């Protein structure tokens, strides 16, 4: 927010009002964190894209868990076989 204030020579409240108006009119996509004085400019993400990303990450996680379980089972079998000999 301070950068907006410095670049455009607006008072902070006026800069925030102009920015808020632009966000409301959908000219910009931004999130304002007033306590920190931070503005995050991001494009809105489609909810389907977000869910697909989560599903892919979950699939990768489950694959790693399955491989880990397989390795643990394999080590237990090798250890049991070594004890019998």
N, C-alpha and C. Protein backbone atom coordinates (compact mmCIF):
# COMPACT_ATOMS: atom_id res chain seq x y z
N UNK A 1 0.83 -1.18 0.00
CA UNK A 1 0.00 0.00 0.00
C UNK A 1 0.88 1.25 0.00
N UNK A 2 1.99 1.18 0.72
CA UNK A 2 2.89 2.34 0.75
C UNK A 2 3.47 2.62 -0.62
N UNK A 3 3.73 1.58 -1.39
CA UNK A 3 4.27 1.75 -2.74
C UNK A 3 3.25 2.45 -3.63
N UNK A 4 1.99 2.06 -3.53
CA UNK A 4 0.94 2.75 -4.29
C UNK A 4 0.87 4.22 -3.88
N UNK A 5 0.96 4.43 -2.60
CA UNK A 5 0.90 5.80 -2.08
C UNK A 5 2.08 6.61 -2.63
N UNK A 6 3.27 6.02 -2.66
CA UNK A 6 4.46 6.73 -3.13
C UNK A 6 4.49 6.93 -4.64
N UNK A 7 4.07 5.93 -5.39
CA UNK A 7 4.14 6.01 -6.86
C UNK A 7 3.14 7.00 -7.44
N UNK A 8 1.97 7.03 -6.89
CA UNK A 8 0.91 7.84 -7.48
C UNK A 8 0.59 9.11 -6.69
N UNK A 9 1.29 9.34 -5.63
CA UNK A 9 1.10 10.52 -4.78
C UNK A 9 -0.34 10.66 -4.29
N UNK A 10 -0.99 9.53 -4.04
CA UNK A 10 -2.33 9.52 -3.44
C UNK A 10 -2.16 9.35 -1.94
N UNK A 11 -3.07 9.91 -1.17
CA UNK A 11 -3.10 9.53 0.25
C UNK A 11 -3.46 8.04 0.35
N UNK A 12 -3.03 7.37 1.39
CA UNK A 12 -3.25 5.92 1.53
C UNK A 12 -4.71 5.54 1.41
N UNK A 13 -5.59 6.30 2.08
CA UNK A 13 -7.01 5.98 2.04
C UNK A 13 -7.57 6.12 0.63
N UNK A 14 -7.12 7.13 -0.09
CA UNK A 14 -7.61 7.35 -1.45
C UNK A 14 -7.10 6.25 -2.39
N UNK A 15 -5.85 5.86 -2.22
CA UNK A 15 -5.29 4.78 -3.04
C UNK A 15 -6.04 3.48 -2.78
N UNK A 16 -6.33 3.21 -1.51
CA UNK A 16 -7.08 1.99 -1.17
C UNK A 16 -8.49 2.03 -1.75
N UNK A 17 -9.12 3.20 -1.72
CA UNK A 17 -10.47 3.32 -2.27
C UNK A 17 -10.47 3.08 -3.77
N UNK A 18 -9.51 3.68 -4.49
CA UNK A 18 -9.43 3.48 -5.94
C UNK A 18 -9.16 2.00 -6.26
N UNK A 19 -8.27 1.39 -5.51
CA UNK A 19 -7.96 -0.01 -5.73
C UNK A 19 -9.19 -0.88 -5.45
N UNK A 20 -9.88 -0.60 -4.36
CA UNK A 20 -11.09 -1.36 -4.02
C UNK A 20 -12.15 -1.22 -5.10
N UNK A 21 -12.31 -0.01 -5.62
CA UNK A 21 -13.29 0.21 -6.70
C UNK A 21 -12.92 -0.59 -7.94
N UNK A 22 -11.62 -0.65 -8.26
CA UNK A 22 -11.19 -1.40 -9.44
C UNK A 22 -11.41 -2.91 -9.25
N UNK A 23 -11.22 -3.39 -8.02
CA UNK A 23 -11.45 -4.80 -7.74
C UNK A 23 -12.94 -5.12 -7.83
N UNK A 24 -13.77 -4.25 -7.27
CA UNK A 24 -15.22 -4.46 -7.31
C UNK A 24 -15.74 -4.45 -8.74
N UNK A 25 -15.19 -3.57 -9.57
CA UNK A 25 -15.63 -3.49 -10.97
C UNK A 25 -14.99 -4.58 -11.84
N UNK A 26 -14.20 -5.46 -11.20
CA UNK A 26 -13.52 -6.58 -11.87
C UNK A 26 -12.48 -6.14 -12.90
N UNK A 27 -11.97 -4.93 -12.75
CA UNK A 27 -10.88 -4.47 -13.61
C UNK A 27 -9.56 -5.09 -13.15
N UNK A 28 -9.47 -5.40 -11.86
CA UNK A 28 -8.29 -6.04 -11.26
C UNK A 28 -8.72 -7.20 -10.38
N UNK A 29 -7.82 -8.14 -10.20
CA UNK A 29 -8.02 -9.20 -9.21
C UNK A 29 -6.95 -8.99 -8.16
N UNK A 30 -7.35 -8.68 -6.94
CA UNK A 30 -6.39 -8.39 -5.89
C UNK A 30 -6.99 -8.71 -4.53
N UNK A 31 -6.09 -8.97 -3.57
CA UNK A 31 -6.48 -9.14 -2.18
C UNK A 31 -5.69 -8.11 -1.38
N UNK A 32 -6.38 -7.39 -0.51
CA UNK A 32 -5.74 -6.36 0.30
C UNK A 32 -5.62 -6.87 1.73
N UNK A 33 -4.41 -6.88 2.26
CA UNK A 33 -4.16 -7.23 3.65
C UNK A 33 -3.86 -5.92 4.38
N UNK A 34 -4.87 -5.33 4.98
CA UNK A 34 -4.71 -4.01 5.61
C UNK A 34 -3.68 -4.00 6.74
N UNK A 35 -3.74 -4.96 7.69
CA UNK A 35 -2.77 -4.89 8.79
C UNK A 35 -1.31 -4.95 8.32
N UNK A 36 -1.03 -5.76 7.31
CA UNK A 36 0.34 -5.89 6.81
C UNK A 36 0.66 -4.84 5.75
N UNK A 37 -0.36 -4.21 5.19
CA UNK A 37 -0.15 -3.23 4.14
C UNK A 37 0.28 -3.85 2.82
N UNK A 38 -0.21 -5.08 2.57
CA UNK A 38 0.19 -5.83 1.38
C UNK A 38 -0.99 -5.99 0.44
N UNK A 39 -0.71 -5.87 -0.85
CA UNK A 39 -1.71 -6.12 -1.87
C UNK A 39 -1.19 -7.25 -2.74
N UNK A 40 -1.97 -8.31 -2.90
CA UNK A 40 -1.60 -9.45 -3.74
C UNK A 40 -2.43 -9.42 -5.01
N UNK A 41 -1.76 -9.29 -6.14
CA UNK A 41 -2.43 -9.30 -7.44
C UNK A 41 -2.31 -10.70 -8.02
N UNK A 42 -3.44 -11.36 -8.20
CA UNK A 42 -3.46 -12.71 -8.77
C UNK A 42 -4.68 -12.85 -9.66
N UNK A 43 -4.55 -13.71 -10.66
CA UNK A 43 -5.72 -14.02 -11.46
C UNK A 43 -6.54 -15.06 -10.72
N UNK A 44 -7.84 -14.99 -10.85
CA UNK A 44 -8.72 -15.94 -10.19
C UNK A 44 -8.53 -17.31 -10.82
N UNK A 45 -8.46 -18.33 -9.99
CA UNK A 45 -8.29 -19.69 -10.49
C UNK A 45 -9.65 -20.37 -10.57
N UNK A 46 -9.82 -21.16 -11.60
CA UNK A 46 -11.05 -21.91 -11.78
C UNK A 46 -11.12 -23.01 -10.72
N UNK A 47 -12.28 -23.20 -10.12
CA UNK A 47 -12.41 -24.20 -9.06
C UNK A 47 -12.14 -25.61 -9.58
N UNK A 48 -12.48 -25.88 -10.84
CA UNK A 48 -12.18 -27.20 -11.41
C UNK A 48 -10.68 -27.44 -11.51
N UNK A 49 -9.93 -26.41 -11.88
CA UNK A 49 -8.47 -26.54 -11.95
C UNK A 49 -7.87 -26.81 -10.58
N UNK A 50 -8.40 -26.13 -9.57
CA UNK A 50 -7.90 -26.33 -8.20
C UNK A 50 -8.18 -27.75 -7.74
N UNK A 51 -9.41 -28.24 -7.97
CA UNK A 51 -9.76 -29.60 -7.57
C UNK A 51 -8.95 -30.64 -8.33
N UNK A 52 -8.72 -30.41 -9.61
CA UNK A 52 -7.90 -31.34 -10.39
C UNK A 52 -6.47 -31.39 -9.87
N UNK A 53 -5.95 -30.23 -9.49
CA UNK A 53 -4.60 -30.17 -8.93
C UNK A 53 -4.53 -30.94 -7.62
N UNK A 54 -5.52 -30.74 -6.75
CA UNK A 54 -5.57 -31.47 -5.48
C UNK A 54 -5.67 -32.97 -5.73
N UNK A 55 -6.50 -33.37 -6.70
CA UNK A 55 -6.67 -34.79 -6.99
C UNK A 55 -5.35 -35.40 -7.47
N UNK A 56 -4.62 -34.67 -8.32
CA UNK A 56 -3.33 -35.18 -8.79
C UNK A 56 -2.33 -35.30 -7.64
N UNK A 57 -2.32 -34.29 -6.75
CA UNK A 57 -1.41 -34.35 -5.61
C UNK A 57 -1.78 -35.50 -4.68
N UNK A 58 -3.08 -35.72 -4.49
CA UNK A 58 -3.53 -36.82 -3.65
C UNK A 58 -3.16 -38.16 -4.27
N UNK A 59 -3.29 -38.26 -5.59
CA UNK A 59 -2.92 -39.48 -6.30
C UNK A 59 -1.43 -39.77 -6.12
N UNK A 60 -0.60 -38.73 -6.23
CA UNK A 60 0.85 -38.90 -6.03
C UNK A 60 1.15 -39.35 -4.60
N UNK A 61 0.45 -38.75 -3.63
CA UNK A 61 0.65 -39.10 -2.23
C UNK A 61 0.28 -40.56 -1.98
N UNK A 62 -0.87 -40.99 -2.50
CA UNK A 62 -1.29 -42.37 -2.30
C UNK A 62 -0.34 -43.35 -2.98
N UNK A 63 0.20 -42.97 -4.12
CA UNK A 63 1.18 -43.81 -4.80
C UNK A 63 2.44 -43.97 -3.95
N UNK A 64 2.89 -42.87 -3.35
CA UNK A 64 4.07 -42.95 -2.47
C UNK A 64 3.79 -43.80 -1.24
N UNK A 65 2.59 -43.69 -0.67
CA UNK A 65 2.23 -44.50 0.49
C UNK A 65 2.22 -45.98 0.11
N UNK A 66 1.64 -46.28 -1.05
CA UNK A 66 1.59 -47.67 -1.51
C UNK A 66 3.00 -48.23 -1.72
N UNK A 67 3.88 -47.46 -2.35
CA UNK A 67 5.26 -47.91 -2.56
C UNK A 67 5.98 -48.11 -1.23
N UNK A 68 5.74 -47.20 -0.28
CA UNK A 68 6.38 -47.31 1.04
C UNK A 68 5.90 -48.56 1.76
N UNK A 69 4.59 -48.82 1.71
CA UNK A 69 4.05 -50.02 2.34
C UNK A 69 4.64 -51.28 1.71
N UNK A 70 4.78 -51.26 0.41
CA UNK A 70 5.37 -52.41 -0.29
C UNK A 70 6.81 -52.63 0.17
N UNK A 71 7.59 -51.55 0.26
CA UNK A 71 8.98 -51.67 0.70
C UNK A 71 9.07 -52.16 2.15
N UNK A 72 8.18 -51.68 3.00
CA UNK A 72 8.17 -52.11 4.41
C UNK A 72 7.84 -53.60 4.49
N UNK A 73 6.83 -54.02 3.74
CA UNK A 73 6.44 -55.43 3.72
C UNK A 73 7.59 -56.30 3.21
N UNK A 74 8.26 -55.83 2.16
CA UNK A 74 9.40 -56.56 1.59
C UNK A 74 10.52 -56.70 2.62
N UNK A 75 10.83 -55.62 3.33
CA UNK A 75 11.88 -55.66 4.36
C UNK A 75 11.51 -56.61 5.49
N UNK A 76 10.23 -56.61 5.87
CA UNK A 76 9.79 -57.52 6.94
C UNK A 76 9.93 -58.98 6.49
N UNK A 77 9.60 -59.27 5.24
CA UNK A 77 9.73 -60.63 4.72
C UNK A 77 11.20 -61.05 4.68
N UNK A 78 12.07 -60.15 4.23
CA UNK A 78 13.51 -60.45 4.19
C UNK A 78 14.04 -60.68 5.60
N UNK A 79 13.60 -59.86 6.55
CA UNK A 79 14.06 -59.98 7.93
C UNK A 79 13.58 -61.30 8.54
N UNK A 80 12.33 -61.69 8.28
CA UNK A 80 11.80 -62.96 8.80
C UNK A 80 12.54 -64.14 8.19
N UNK A 81 12.85 -64.05 6.90
CA UNK A 81 13.57 -65.13 6.23
C UNK A 81 14.99 -65.26 6.80
N UNK A 82 15.62 -64.15 7.13
CA UNK A 82 16.97 -64.18 7.69
C UNK A 82 16.97 -64.79 9.09
N UNK A 83 15.90 -64.59 9.86
CA UNK A 83 15.82 -65.16 11.21
C UNK A 83 15.63 -66.67 11.17
N UNK A 84 14.95 -67.19 10.15
CA UNK A 84 14.69 -68.62 10.05
C UNK A 84 15.94 -69.40 9.65
N UNK A 85 16.89 -68.76 9.01
CA UNK A 85 18.10 -69.44 8.53
C UNK A 85 19.11 -69.55 9.61
